[in-house]
Amino acid sequence: WYRQAPEKGRELVAEITSGGSTRYS
């Protein structure tokens, strides 16, 4: 998941790999 506020760049919020591991901003 990414997010973008008006006039801001797109930010990586969270990701999950095929193996199920996760990471967050």
PDBML (XML) file of the C-alpha atoms, coordinates in Angstrom:
<?xml version="1.0" encoding="UTF-8" ?>
<PDBx:datablock datablockName="MODEL"
   xmlns:PDBx="http://pdbml.pdb.org/schema/pdbx-v50.xsd"
   xmlns:xsi="http://www.w3.org/2001/XMLSchema-instance"
   xsi:schemaLocation="http://pdbml.pdb.org/schema/pdbx-v50.xsd pdbx-v50.xsd">
   <PDBx:atom_siteCategory>
      <PDBx:atom_site id="1">
         <PDBx:B_iso_or_equiv>0.00</PDBx:B_iso_or_equiv>
         <PDBx:Cartn_x>0.000</PDBx:Cartn_x>
         <PDBx:Cartn_y>0.000</PDBx:Cartn_y>
         <PDBx:Cartn_z>0.000</PDBx:Cartn_z>
         <PDBx:auth_asym_id>A</PDBx:auth_asym_id>
         <PDBx:auth_atom_id>CA</PDBx:auth_atom_id>
         <PDBx:auth_comp_id>TRP</PDBx:auth_comp_id>
         <PDBx:auth_seq_id>1</PDBx:auth_seq_id>
         <PDBx:group_PDB>ATOM</PDBx:group_PDB>
         <PDBx:label_alt_id xsi:nil="true" />
         <PDBx:label_asym_id>A</PDBx:label_asym_id>
         <PDBx:label_atom_id>CA</PDBx:label_atom_id>
         <PDBx:label_comp_id>TRP</PDBx:label_comp_id>
         <PDBx:label_entity_id>1</PDBx:label_entity_id>
         <PDBx:label_seq_id>1</PDBx:label_seq_id>
         <PDBx:occupancy>1.00</PDBx:occupancy>
         <PDBx:pdbx_PDB_model_num>1</PDBx:pdbx_PDB_model_num>
         <PDBx:type_symbol>C</PDBx:type_symbol>
      </PDBx:atom_site>
      <PDBx:atom_site id="2">
         <PDBx:B_iso_or_equiv>0.00</PDBx:B_iso_or_equiv>
         <PDBx:Cartn_x>1.149</PDBx:Cartn_x>
         <PDBx:Cartn_y>3.494</PDBx:Cartn_y>
         <PDBx:Cartn_z>-0.914</PDBx:Cartn_z>
         <PDBx:auth_asym_id>A</PDBx:auth_asym_id>
         <PDBx:auth_atom_id>CA</PDBx:auth_atom_id>
         <PDBx:auth_comp_id>TYR</PDBx:auth_comp_id>
         <PDBx:auth_seq_id>2</PDBx:auth_seq_id>
         <PDBx:group_PDB>ATOM</PDBx:group_PDB>
         <PDBx:label_alt_id xsi:nil="true" />
         <PDBx:label_asym_id>A</PDBx:label_asym_id>
         <PDBx:label_atom_id>CA</PDBx:label_atom_id>
         <PDBx:label_comp_id>TYR</PDBx:label_comp_id>
         <PDBx:label_entity_id>1</PDBx:label_entity_id>
         <PDBx:label_seq_id>2</PDBx:label_seq_id>
         <PDBx:occupancy>1.00</PDBx:occupancy>
         <PDBx:pdbx_PDB_model_num>1</PDBx:pdbx_PDB_model_num>
         <PDBx:type_symbol>C</PDBx:type_symbol>
      </PDBx:atom_site>
      <PDBx:atom_site id="3">
         <PDBx:B_iso_or_equiv>0.00</PDBx:B_iso_or_equiv>
         <PDBx:Cartn_x>-0.447</PDBx:Cartn_x>
         <PDBx:Cartn_y>6.811</PDBx:Cartn_y>
         <PDBx:Cartn_z>-0.050</PDBx:Cartn_z>
         <PDBx:auth_asym_id>A</PDBx:auth_asym_id>
         <PDBx:auth_atom_id>CA</PDBx:auth_atom_id>
         <PDBx:auth_comp_id>ARG</PDBx:auth_comp_id>
         <PDBx:auth_seq_id>3</PDBx:auth_seq_id>
         <PDBx:group_PDB>ATOM</PDBx:group_PDB>
         <PDBx:label_alt_id xsi:nil="true" />
         <PDBx:label_asym_id>A</PDBx:label_asym_id>
         <PDBx:label_atom_id>CA</PDBx:label_atom_id>
         <PDBx:label_comp_id>ARG</PDBx:label_comp_id>
         <PDBx:label_entity_id>1</PDBx:label_entity_id>
         <PDBx:label_seq_id>3</PDBx:label_seq_id>
         <PDBx:occupancy>1.00</PDBx:occupancy>
         <PDBx:pdbx_PDB_model_num>1</PDBx:pdbx_PDB_model_num>
         <PDBx:type_symbol>C</PDBx:type_symbol>
      </PDBx:atom_site>
      <PDBx:atom_site id="4">
         <PDBx:B_iso_or_equiv>0.00</PDBx:B_iso_or_equiv>
         <PDBx:Cartn_x>-0.285</PDBx:Cartn_x>
         <PDBx:Cartn_y>10.300</PDBx:Cartn_y>
         <PDBx:Cartn_z>-1.485</PDBx:Cartn_z>
         <PDBx:auth_asym_id>A</PDBx:auth_asym_id>
         <PDBx:auth_atom_id>CA</PDBx:auth_atom_id>
         <PDBx:auth_comp_id>GLN</PDBx:auth_comp_id>
         <PDBx:auth_seq_id>4</PDBx:auth_seq_id>
         <PDBx:group_PDB>ATOM</PDBx:group_PDB>
         <PDBx:label_alt_id xsi:nil="true" />
         <PDBx:label_asym_id>A</PDBx:label_asym_id>
         <PDBx:label_atom_id>CA</PDBx:label_atom_id>
         <PDBx:label_comp_id>GLN</PDBx:label_comp_id>
         <PDBx:label_entity_id>1</PDBx:label_entity_id>
         <PDBx:label_seq_id>4</PDBx:label_seq_id>
         <PDBx:occupancy>1.00</PDBx:occupancy>
         <PDBx:pdbx_PDB_model_num>1</PDBx:pdbx_PDB_model_num>
         <PDBx:type_symbol>C</PDBx:type_symbol>
      </PDBx:atom_site>
      <PDBx:atom_site id="5">
         <PDBx:B_iso_or_equiv>0.00</PDBx:B_iso_or_equiv>
         <PDBx:Cartn_x>-1.524</PDBx:Cartn_x>
         <PDBx:Cartn_y>13.539</PDBx:Cartn_y>
         <PDBx:Cartn_z>0.032</PDBx:Cartn_z>
         <PDBx:auth_asym_id>A</PDBx:auth_asym_id>
         <PDBx:auth_atom_id>CA</PDBx:auth_atom_id>
         <PDBx:auth_comp_id>ALA</PDBx:auth_comp_id>
         <PDBx:auth_seq_id>5</PDBx:auth_seq_id>
         <PDBx:group_PDB>ATOM</PDBx:group_PDB>
         <PDBx:label_alt_id xsi:nil="true" />
         <PDBx:label_asym_id>A</PDBx:label_asym_id>
         <PDBx:label_atom_id>CA</PDBx:label_atom_id>
         <PDBx:label_comp_id>ALA</PDBx:label_comp_id>
         <PDBx:label_entity_id>1</PDBx:label_entity_id>
         <PDBx:label_seq_id>5</PDBx:label_seq_id>
         <PDBx:occupancy>1.00</PDBx:occupancy>
         <PDBx:pdbx_PDB_model_num>1</PDBx:pdbx_PDB_model_num>
         <PDBx:type_symbol>C</PDBx:type_symbol>
      </PDBx:atom_site>
      <PDBx:atom_site id="6">
         <PDBx:B_iso_or_equiv>0.00</PDBx:B_iso_or_equiv>
         <PDBx:Cartn_x>-2.214</PDBx:Cartn_x>
         <PDBx:Cartn_y>16.601</PDBx:Cartn_y>
         <PDBx:Cartn_z>-2.159</PDBx:Cartn_z>
         <PDBx:auth_asym_id>A</PDBx:auth_asym_id>
         <PDBx:auth_atom_id>CA</PDBx:auth_atom_id>
         <PDBx:auth_comp_id>PRO</PDBx:auth_comp_id>
         <PDBx:auth_seq_id>6</PDBx:auth_seq_id>
         <PDBx:group_PDB>ATOM</PDBx:group_PDB>
         <PDBx:label_alt_id xsi:nil="true" />
         <PDBx:label_asym_id>A</PDBx:label_asym_id>
         <PDBx:label_atom_id>CA</PDBx:label_atom_id>
         <PDBx:label_comp_id>PRO</PDBx:label_comp_id>
         <PDBx:label_entity_id>1</PDBx:label_entity_id>
         <PDBx:label_seq_id>6</PDBx:label_seq_id>
         <PDBx:occupancy>1.00</PDBx:occupancy>
         <PDBx:pdbx_PDB_model_num>1</PDBx:pdbx_PDB_model_num>
         <PDBx:type_symbol>C</PDBx:type_symbol>
      </PDBx:atom_site>
      <PDBx:atom_site id="7">
         <PDBx:B_iso_or_equiv>0.00</PDBx:B_iso_or_equiv>
         <PDBx:Cartn_x>1.014</PDBx:Cartn_x>
         <PDBx:Cartn_y>18.209</PDBx:Cartn_y>
         <PDBx:Cartn_z>-3.376</PDBx:Cartn_z>
         <PDBx:auth_asym_id>A</PDBx:auth_asym_id>
         <PDBx:auth_atom_id>CA</PDBx:auth_atom_id>
         <PDBx:auth_comp_id>GLU</PDBx:auth_comp_id>
         <PDBx:auth_seq_id>7</PDBx:auth_seq_id>
         <PDBx:group_PDB>ATOM</PDBx:group_PDB>
         <PDBx:label_alt_id xsi:nil="true" />
         <PDBx:label_asym_id>A</PDBx:label_asym_id>
         <PDBx:label_atom_id>CA</PDBx:label_atom_id>
         <PDBx:label_comp_id>GLU</PDBx:label_comp_id>
         <PDBx:label_entity_id>1</PDBx:label_entity_id>
         <PDBx:label_seq_id>7</PDBx:label_seq_id>
         <PDBx:occupancy>1.00</PDBx:occupancy>
         <PDBx:pdbx_PDB_model_num>1</PDBx:pdbx_PDB_model_num>
         <PDBx:type_symbol>C</PDBx:type_symbol>
      </PDBx:atom_site>
      <PDBx:atom_site id="8">
         <PDBx:B_iso_or_equiv>0.00</PDBx:B_iso_or_equiv>
         <PDBx:Cartn_x>3.011</PDBx:Cartn_x>
         <PDBx:Cartn_y>15.425</PDBx:Cartn_y>
         <PDBx:Cartn_z>-1.716</PDBx:Cartn_z>
         <PDBx:auth_asym_id>A</PDBx:auth_asym_id>
         <PDBx:auth_atom_id>CA</PDBx:auth_atom_id>
         <PDBx:auth_comp_id>LYS</PDBx:auth_comp_id>
         <PDBx:auth_seq_id>8</PDBx:auth_seq_id>
         <PDBx:group_PDB>ATOM</PDBx:group_PDB>
         <PDBx:label_alt_id xsi:nil="true" />
         <PDBx:label_asym_id>A</PDBx:label_asym_id>
         <PDBx:label_atom_id>CA</PDBx:label_atom_id>
         <PDBx:label_comp_id>LYS</PDBx:label_comp_id>
         <PDBx:label_entity_id>1</PDBx:label_entity_id>
         <PDBx:label_seq_id>8</PDBx:label_seq_id>
         <PDBx:occupancy>1.00</PDBx:occupancy>
         <PDBx:pdbx_PDB_model_num>1</PDBx:pdbx_PDB_model_num>
         <PDBx:type_symbol>C</PDBx:type_symbol>
      </PDBx:atom_site>
      <PDBx:atom_site id="9">
         <PDBx:B_iso_or_equiv>0.00</PDBx:B_iso_or_equiv>
         <PDBx:Cartn_x>4.975</PDBx:Cartn_x>
         <PDBx:Cartn_y>12.515</PDBx:Cartn_y>
         <PDBx:Cartn_z>-3.089</PDBx:Cartn_z>
         <PDBx:auth_asym_id>A</PDBx:auth_asym_id>
         <PDBx:auth_atom_id>CA</PDBx:auth_atom_id>
         <PDBx:auth_comp_id>GLY</PDBx:auth_comp_id>
         <PDBx:auth_seq_id>9</PDBx:auth_seq_id>
         <PDBx:group_PDB>ATOM</PDBx:group_PDB>
         <PDBx:label_alt_id xsi:nil="true" />
         <PDBx:label_asym_id>A</PDBx:label_asym_id>
         <PDBx:label_atom_id>CA</PDBx:label_atom_id>
         <PDBx:label_comp_id>GLY</PDBx:label_comp_id>
         <PDBx:label_entity_id>1</PDBx:label_entity_id>
         <PDBx:label_seq_id>9</PDBx:label_seq_id>
         <PDBx:occupancy>1.00</PDBx:occupancy>
         <PDBx:pdbx_PDB_model_num>1</PDBx:pdbx_PDB_model_num>
         <PDBx:type_symbol>C</PDBx:type_symbol>
      </PDBx:atom_site>
      <PDBx:atom_site id="10">
         <PDBx:B_iso_or_equiv>0.00</PDBx:B_iso_or_equiv>
         <PDBx:Cartn_x>3.769</PDBx:Cartn_x>
         <PDBx:Cartn_y>8.941</PDBx:Cartn_y>
         <PDBx:Cartn_z>-3.010</PDBx:Cartn_z>
         <PDBx:auth_asym_id>A</PDBx:auth_asym_id>
         <PDBx:auth_atom_id>CA</PDBx:auth_atom_id>
         <PDBx:auth_comp_id>ARG</PDBx:auth_comp_id>
         <PDBx:auth_seq_id>10</PDBx:auth_seq_id>
         <PDBx:group_PDB>ATOM</PDBx:group_PDB>
         <PDBx:label_alt_id xsi:nil="true" />
         <PDBx:label_asym_id>A</PDBx:label_asym_id>
         <PDBx:label_atom_id>CA</PDBx:label_atom_id>
         <PDBx:label_comp_id>ARG</PDBx:label_comp_id>
         <PDBx:label_entity_id>1</PDBx:label_entity_id>
         <PDBx:label_seq_id>10</PDBx:label_seq_id>
         <PDBx:occupancy>1.00</PDBx:occupancy>
         <PDBx:pdbx_PDB_model_num>1</PDBx:pdbx_PDB_model_num>
         <PDBx:type_symbol>C</PDBx:type_symbol>
      </PDBx:atom_site>
      <PDBx:atom_site id="11">
         <PDBx:B_iso_or_equiv>0.00</PDBx:B_iso_or_equiv>
         <PDBx:Cartn_x>4.830</PDBx:Cartn_x>
         <PDBx:Cartn_y>7.186</PDBx:Cartn_y>
         <PDBx:Cartn_z>0.207</PDBx:Cartn_z>
         <PDBx:auth_asym_id>A</PDBx:auth_asym_id>
         <PDBx:auth_atom_id>CA</PDBx:auth_atom_id>
         <PDBx:auth_comp_id>GLU</PDBx:auth_comp_id>
         <PDBx:auth_seq_id>11</PDBx:auth_seq_id>
         <PDBx:group_PDB>ATOM</PDBx:group_PDB>
         <PDBx:label_alt_id xsi:nil="true" />
         <PDBx:label_asym_id>A</PDBx:label_asym_id>
         <PDBx:label_atom_id>CA</PDBx:label_atom_id>
         <PDBx:label_comp_id>GLU</PDBx:label_comp_id>
         <PDBx:label_entity_id>1</PDBx:label_entity_id>
         <PDBx:label_seq_id>11</PDBx:label_seq_id>
         <PDBx:occupancy>1.00</PDBx:occupancy>
         <PDBx:pdbx_PDB_model_num>1</PDBx:pdbx_PDB_model_num>
         <PDBx:type_symbol>C</PDBx:type_symbol>
      </PDBx:atom_site>
      <PDBx:atom_site id="12">
         <PDBx:B_iso_or_equiv>0.00</PDBx:B_iso_or_equiv>
         <PDBx:Cartn_x>5.200</PDBx:Cartn_x>
         <PDBx:Cartn_y>3.458</PDBx:Cartn_y>
         <PDBx:Cartn_z>0.811</PDBx:Cartn_z>
         <PDBx:auth_asym_id>A</PDBx:auth_asym_id>
         <PDBx:auth_atom_id>CA</PDBx:auth_atom_id>
         <PDBx:auth_comp_id>LEU</PDBx:auth_comp_id>
         <PDBx:auth_seq_id>12</PDBx:auth_seq_id>
         <PDBx:group_PDB>ATOM</PDBx:group_PDB>
         <PDBx:label_alt_id xsi:nil="true" />
         <PDBx:label_asym_id>A</PDBx:label_asym_id>
         <PDBx:label_atom_id>CA</PDBx:label_atom_id>
         <PDBx:label_comp_id>LEU</PDBx:label_comp_id>
         <PDBx:label_entity_id>1</PDBx:label_entity_id>
         <PDBx:label_seq_id>12</PDBx:label_seq_id>
         <PDBx:occupancy>1.00</PDBx:occupancy>
         <PDBx:pdbx_PDB_model_num>1</PDBx:pdbx_PDB_model_num>
         <PDBx:type_symbol>C</PDBx:type_symbol>
      </PDBx:atom_site>
      <PDBx:atom_site id="13">
         <PDBx:B_iso_or_equiv>0.00</PDBx:B_iso_or_equiv>
         <PDBx:Cartn_x>3.016</PDBx:Cartn_x>
         <PDBx:Cartn_y>2.572</PDBx:Cartn_y>
         <PDBx:Cartn_z>3.800</PDBx:Cartn_z>
         <PDBx:auth_asym_id>A</PDBx:auth_asym_id>
         <PDBx:auth_atom_id>CA</PDBx:auth_atom_id>
         <PDBx:auth_comp_id>VAL</PDBx:auth_comp_id>
         <PDBx:auth_seq_id>13</PDBx:auth_seq_id>
         <PDBx:group_PDB>ATOM</PDBx:group_PDB>
         <PDBx:label_alt_id xsi:nil="true" />
         <PDBx:label_asym_id>A</PDBx:label_asym_id>
         <PDBx:label_atom_id>CA</PDBx:label_atom_id>
         <PDBx:label_comp_id>VAL</PDBx:label_comp_id>
         <PDBx:label_entity_id>1</PDBx:label_entity_id>
         <PDBx:label_seq_id>13</PDBx:label_seq_id>
         <PDBx:occupancy>1.00</PDBx:occupancy>
         <PDBx:pdbx_PDB_model_num>1</PDBx:pdbx_PDB_model_num>
         <PDBx:type_symbol>C</PDBx:type_symbol>
      </PDBx:atom_site>
      <PDBx:atom_site id="14">
         <PDBx:B_iso_or_equiv>0.00</PDBx:B_iso_or_equiv>
         <PDBx:Cartn_x>3.215</PDBx:Cartn_x>
         <PDBx:Cartn_y>-1.216</PDBx:Cartn_y>
         <PDBx:Cartn_z>4.125</PDBx:Cartn_z>
         <PDBx:auth_asym_id>A</PDBx:auth_asym_id>
         <PDBx:auth_atom_id>CA</PDBx:auth_atom_id>
         <PDBx:auth_comp_id>ALA</PDBx:auth_comp_id>
         <PDBx:auth_seq_id>14</PDBx:auth_seq_id>
         <PDBx:group_PDB>ATOM</PDBx:group_PDB>
         <PDBx:label_alt_id xsi:nil="true" />
         <PDBx:label_asym_id>A</PDBx:label_asym_id>
         <PDBx:label_atom_id>CA</PDBx:label_atom_id>
         <PDBx:label_comp_id>ALA</PDBx:label_comp_id>
         <PDBx:label_entity_id>1</PDBx:label_entity_id>
         <PDBx:label_seq_id>14</PDBx:label_seq_id>
         <PDBx:occupancy>1.00</PDBx:occupancy>
         <PDBx:pdbx_PDB_model_num>1</PDBx:pdbx_PDB_model_num>
         <PDBx:type_symbol>C</PDBx:type_symbol>
      </PDBx:atom_site>
      <PDBx:atom_site id="15">
         <PDBx:B_iso_or_equiv>0.00</PDBx:B_iso_or_equiv>
         <PDBx:Cartn_x>4.162</PDBx:Cartn_x>
         <PDBx:Cartn_y>-4.300</PDBx:Cartn_y>
         <PDBx:Cartn_z>2.165</PDBx:Cartn_z>
         <PDBx:auth_asym_id>A</PDBx:auth_asym_id>
         <PDBx:auth_atom_id>CA</PDBx:auth_atom_id>
         <PDBx:auth_comp_id>GLU</PDBx:auth_comp_id>
         <PDBx:auth_seq_id>15</PDBx:auth_seq_id>
         <PDBx:group_PDB>ATOM</PDBx:group_PDB>
         <PDBx:label_alt_id xsi:nil="true" />
         <PDBx:label_asym_id>A</PDBx:label_asym_id>
         <PDBx:label_atom_id>CA</PDBx:label_atom_id>
         <PDBx:label_comp_id>GLU</PDBx:label_comp_id>
         <PDBx:label_entity_id>1</PDBx:label_entity_id>
         <PDBx:label_seq_id>15</PDBx:label_seq_id>
         <PDBx:occupancy>1.00</PDBx:occupancy>
         <PDBx:pdbx_PDB_model_num>1</PDBx:pdbx_PDB_model_num>
         <PDBx:type_symbol>C</PDBx:type_symbol>
      </PDBx:atom_site>
      <PDBx:atom_site id="16">
         <PDBx:B_iso_or_equiv>0.00</PDBx:B_iso_or_equiv>
         <PDBx:Cartn_x>3.835</PDBx:Cartn_x>
         <PDBx:Cartn_y>-8.062</PDBx:Cartn_y>
         <PDBx:Cartn_z>2.489</PDBx:Cartn_z>
         <PDBx:auth_asym_id>A</PDBx:auth_asym_id>
         <PDBx:auth_atom_id>CA</PDBx:auth_atom_id>
         <PDBx:auth_comp_id>ILE</PDBx:auth_comp_id>
         <PDBx:auth_seq_id>16</PDBx:auth_seq_id>
         <PDBx:group_PDB>ATOM</PDBx:group_PDB>
         <PDBx:label_alt_id xsi:nil="true" />
         <PDBx:label_asym_id>A</PDBx:label_asym_id>
         <PDBx:label_atom_id>CA</PDBx:label_atom_id>
         <PDBx:label_comp_id>ILE</PDBx:label_comp_id>
         <PDBx:label_entity_id>1</PDBx:label_entity_id>
         <PDBx:label_seq_id>16</PDBx:label_seq_id>
         <PDBx:occupancy>1.00</PDBx:occupancy>
         <PDBx:pdbx_PDB_model_num>1</PDBx:pdbx_PDB_model_num>
         <PDBx:type_symbol>C</PDBx:type_symbol>
      </PDBx:atom_site>
      <PDBx:atom_site id="17">
         <PDBx:B_iso_or_equiv>0.00</PDBx:B_iso_or_equiv>
         <PDBx:Cartn_x>5.972</PDBx:Cartn_x>
         <PDBx:Cartn_y>-10.583</PDBx:Cartn_y>
         <PDBx:Cartn_z>0.622</PDBx:Cartn_z>
         <PDBx:auth_asym_id>A</PDBx:auth_asym_id>
         <PDBx:auth_atom_id>CA</PDBx:auth_atom_id>
         <PDBx:auth_comp_id>THR</PDBx:auth_comp_id>
         <PDBx:auth_seq_id>17</PDBx:auth_seq_id>
         <PDBx:group_PDB>ATOM</PDBx:group_PDB>
         <PDBx:label_alt_id xsi:nil="true" />
         <PDBx:label_asym_id>A</PDBx:label_asym_id>
         <PDBx:label_atom_id>CA</PDBx:label_atom_id>
         <PDBx:label_comp_id>THR</PDBx:label_comp_id>
         <PDBx:label_entity_id>1</PDBx:label_entity_id>
         <PDBx:label_seq_id>17</PDBx:label_seq_id>
         <PDBx:occupancy>1.00</PDBx:occupancy>
         <PDBx:pdbx_PDB_model_num>1</PDBx:pdbx_PDB_model_num>
         <PDBx:type_symbol>C</PDBx:type_symbol>
      </PDBx:atom_site>
      <PDBx:atom_site id="18">
         <PDBx:B_iso_or_equiv>0.00</PDBx:B_iso_or_equiv>
         <PDBx:Cartn_x>4.897</PDBx:Cartn_x>
         <PDBx:Cartn_y>-13.842</PDBx:Cartn_y>
         <PDBx:Cartn_z>-0.968</PDBx:Cartn_z>
         <PDBx:auth_asym_id>A</PDBx:auth_asym_id>
         <PDBx:auth_atom_id>CA</PDBx:auth_atom_id>
         <PDBx:auth_comp_id>SER</PDBx:auth_comp_id>
         <PDBx:auth_seq_id>18</PDBx:auth_seq_id>
         <PDBx:group_PDB>ATOM</PDBx:group_PDB>
         <PDBx:label_alt_id xsi:nil="true" />
         <PDBx:label_asym_id>A</PDBx:label_asym_id>
         <PDBx:label_atom_id>CA</PDBx:label_atom_id>
         <PDBx:label_comp_id>SER</PDBx:label_comp_id>
         <PDBx:label_entity_id>1</PDBx:label_entity_id>
         <PDBx:label_seq_id>18</PDBx:label_seq_id>
         <PDBx:occupancy>1.00</PDBx:occupancy>
         <PDBx:pdbx_PDB_model_num>1</PDBx:pdbx_PDB_model_num>
         <PDBx:type_symbol>C</PDBx:type_symbol>
      </PDBx:atom_site>
      <PDBx:atom_site id="19">
         <PDBx:B_iso_or_equiv>0.00</PDBx:B_iso_or_equiv>
         <PDBx:Cartn_x>6.283</PDBx:Cartn_x>
         <PDBx:Cartn_y>-15.596</PDBx:Cartn_y>
         <PDBx:Cartn_z>2.104</PDBx:Cartn_z>
         <PDBx:auth_asym_id>A</PDBx:auth_asym_id>
         <PDBx:auth_atom_id>CA</PDBx:auth_atom_id>
         <PDBx:auth_comp_id>GLY</PDBx:auth_comp_id>
         <PDBx:auth_seq_id>19</PDBx:auth_seq_id>
         <PDBx:group_PDB>ATOM</PDBx:group_PDB>
         <PDBx:label_alt_id xsi:nil="true" />
         <PDBx:label_asym_id>A</PDBx:label_asym_id>
         <PDBx:label_atom_id>CA</PDBx:label_atom_id>
         <PDBx:label_comp_id>GLY</PDBx:label_comp_id>
         <PDBx:label_entity_id>1</PDBx:label_entity_id>
         <PDBx:label_seq_id>19</PDBx:label_seq_id>
         <PDBx:occupancy>1.00</PDBx:occupancy>
         <PDBx:pdbx_PDB_model_num>1</PDBx:pdbx_PDB_model_num>
         <PDBx:type_symbol>C</PDBx:type_symbol>
      </PDBx:atom_site>
      <PDBx:atom_site id="20">
         <PDBx:B_iso_or_equiv>0.00</PDBx:B_iso_or_equiv>
         <PDBx:Cartn_x>4.140</PDBx:Cartn_x>
         <PDBx:Cartn_y>-13.526</PDBx:Cartn_y>
         <PDBx:Cartn_z>4.448</PDBx:Cartn_z>
         <PDBx:auth_asym_id>A</PDBx:auth_asym_id>
         <PDBx:auth_atom_id>CA</PDBx:auth_atom_id>
         <PDBx:auth_comp_id>GLY</PDBx:auth_comp_id>
         <PDBx:auth_seq_id>20</PDBx:auth_seq_id>
         <PDBx:group_PDB>ATOM</PDBx:group_PDB>
         <PDBx:label_alt_id xsi:nil="true" />
         <PDBx:label_asym_id>A</PDBx:label_asym_id>
         <PDBx:label_atom_id>CA</PDBx:label_atom_id>
         <PDBx:label_comp_id>GLY</PDBx:label_comp_id>
         <PDBx:label_entity_id>1</PDBx:label_entity_id>
         <PDBx:label_seq_id>20</PDBx:label_seq_id>
         <PDBx:occupancy>1.00</PDBx:occupancy>
         <PDBx:pdbx_PDB_model_num>1</PDBx:pdbx_PDB_model_num>
         <PDBx:type_symbol>C</PDBx:type_symbol>
      </PDBx:atom_site>
      <PDBx:atom_site id="21">
         <PDBx:B_iso_or_equiv>0.00</PDBx:B_iso_or_equiv>
         <PDBx:Cartn_x>6.757</PDBx:Cartn_x>
         <PDBx:Cartn_y>-11.247</PDBx:Cartn_y>
         <PDBx:Cartn_z>5.961</PDBx:Cartn_z>
         <PDBx:auth_asym_id>A</PDBx:auth_asym_id>
         <PDBx:auth_atom_id>CA</PDBx:auth_atom_id>
         <PDBx:auth_comp_id>SER</PDBx:auth_comp_id>
         <PDBx:auth_seq_id>21</PDBx:auth_seq_id>
         <PDBx:group_PDB>ATOM</PDBx:group_PDB>
         <PDBx:label_alt_id xsi:nil="true" />
         <PDBx:label_asym_id>A</PDBx:label_asym_id>
         <PDBx:label_atom_id>CA</PDBx:label_atom_id>
         <PDBx:label_comp_id>SER</PDBx:label_comp_id>
         <PDBx:label_entity_id>1</PDBx:label_entity_id>
         <PDBx:label_seq_id>21</PDBx:label_seq_id>
         <PDBx:occupancy>1.00</PDBx:occupancy>
         <PDBx:pdbx_PDB_model_num>1</PDBx:pdbx_PDB_model_num>
         <PDBx:type_symbol>C</PDBx:type_symbol>
      </PDBx:atom_site>
      <PDBx:atom_site id="22">
         <PDBx:B_iso_or_equiv>0.00</PDBx:B_iso_or_equiv>
         <PDBx:Cartn_x>5.693</PDBx:Cartn_x>
         <PDBx:Cartn_y>-7.643</PDBx:Cartn_y>
         <PDBx:Cartn_z>6.506</PDBx:Cartn_z>
         <PDBx:auth_asym_id>A</PDBx:auth_asym_id>
         <PDBx:auth_atom_id>CA</PDBx:auth_atom_id>
         <PDBx:auth_comp_id>THR</PDBx:auth_comp_id>
         <PDBx:auth_seq_id>22</PDBx:auth_seq_id>
         <PDBx:group_PDB>ATOM</PDBx:group_PDB>
         <PDBx:label_alt_id xsi:nil="true" />
         <PDBx:label_asym_id>A</PDBx:label_asym_id>
         <PDBx:label_atom_id>CA</PDBx:label_atom_id>
         <PDBx:label_comp_id>THR</PDBx:label_comp_id>
         <PDBx:label_entity_id>1</PDBx:label_entity_id>
         <PDBx:label_seq_id>22</PDBx:label_seq_id>
         <PDBx:occupancy>1.00</PDBx:occupancy>
         <PDBx:pdbx_PDB_model_num>1</PDBx:pdbx_PDB_model_num>
         <PDBx:type_symbol>C</PDBx:type_symbol>
      </PDBx:atom_site>
      <PDBx:atom_site id="23">
         <PDBx:B_iso_or_equiv>0.00</PDBx:B_iso_or_equiv>
         <PDBx:Cartn_x>7.233</PDBx:Cartn_x>
         <PDBx:Cartn_y>-4.229</PDBx:Cartn_y>
         <PDBx:Cartn_z>6.931</PDBx:Cartn_z>
         <PDBx:auth_asym_id>A</PDBx:auth_asym_id>
         <PDBx:auth_atom_id>CA</PDBx:auth_atom_id>
         <PDBx:auth_comp_id>ARG</PDBx:auth_comp_id>
         <PDBx:auth_seq_id>23</PDBx:auth_seq_id>
         <PDBx:group_PDB>ATOM</PDBx:group_PDB>
         <PDBx:label_alt_id xsi:nil="true" />
         <PDBx:label_asym_id>A</PDBx:label_asym_id>
         <PDBx:label_atom_id>CA</PDBx:label_atom_id>
         <PDBx:label_comp_id>ARG</PDBx:label_comp_id>
         <PDBx:label_entity_id>1</PDBx:label_entity_id>
         <PDBx:label_seq_id>23</PDBx:label_seq_id>
         <PDBx:occupancy>1.00</PDBx:occupancy>
         <PDBx:pdbx_PDB_model_num>1</PDBx:pdbx_PDB_model_num>
         <PDBx:type_symbol>C</PDBx:type_symbol>
      </PDBx:atom_site>
      <PDBx:atom_site id="24">
         <PDBx:B_iso_or_equiv>0.00</PDBx:B_iso_or_equiv>
         <PDBx:Cartn_x>5.844</PDBx:Cartn_x>
         <PDBx:Cartn_y>-0.769</PDBx:Cartn_y>
         <PDBx:Cartn_z>7.623</PDBx:Cartn_z>
         <PDBx:auth_asym_id>A</PDBx:auth_asym_id>
         <PDBx:auth_atom_id>CA</PDBx:auth_atom_id>
         <PDBx:auth_comp_id>TYR</PDBx:auth_comp_id>
         <PDBx:auth_seq_id>24</PDBx:auth_seq_id>
         <PDBx:group_PDB>ATOM</PDBx:group_PDB>
         <PDBx:label_alt_id xsi:nil="true" />
         <PDBx:label_asym_id>A</PDBx:label_asym_id>
         <PDBx:label_atom_id>CA</PDBx:label_atom_id>
         <PDBx:label_comp_id>TYR</PDBx:label_comp_id>
         <PDBx:label_entity_id>1</PDBx:label_entity_id>
         <PDBx:label_seq_id>24</PDBx:label_seq_id>
         <PDBx:occupancy>1.00</PDBx:occupancy>
         <PDBx:pdbx_PDB_model_num>1</PDBx:pdbx_PDB_model_num>
         <PDBx:type_symbol>C</PDBx:type_symbol>
      </PDBx:atom_site>
      <PDBx:atom_site id="25">
         <PDBx:B_iso_or_equiv>0.00</PDBx:B_iso_or_equiv>
         <PDBx:Cartn_x>6.848</PDBx:Cartn_x>
         <PDBx:Cartn_y>2.838</PDBx:Cartn_y>
         <PDBx:Cartn_z>7.376</PDBx:Cartn_z>
         <PDBx:auth_asym_id>A</PDBx:auth_asym_id>
         <PDBx:auth_atom_id>CA</PDBx:auth_atom_id>
         <PDBx:auth_comp_id>SER</PDBx:auth_comp_id>
         <PDBx:auth_seq_id>25</PDBx:auth_seq_id>
         <PDBx:group_PDB>ATOM</PDBx:group_PDB>
         <PDBx:label_alt_id xsi:nil="true" />
         <PDBx:label_asym_id>A</PDBx:label_asym_id>
         <PDBx:label_atom_id>CA</PDBx:label_atom_id>
         <PDBx:label_comp_id>SER</PDBx:label_comp_id>
         <PDBx:label_entity_id>1</PDBx:label_entity_id>
         <PDBx:label_seq_id>25</PDBx:label_seq_id>
         <PDBx:occupancy>1.00</PDBx:occupancy>
         <PDBx:pdbx_PDB_model_num>1</PDBx:pdbx_PDB_model_num>
         <PDBx:type_symbol>C</PDBx:type_symbol>
      </PDBx:atom_site>
   </PDBx:atom_siteCategory>
</PDBx:datablock>
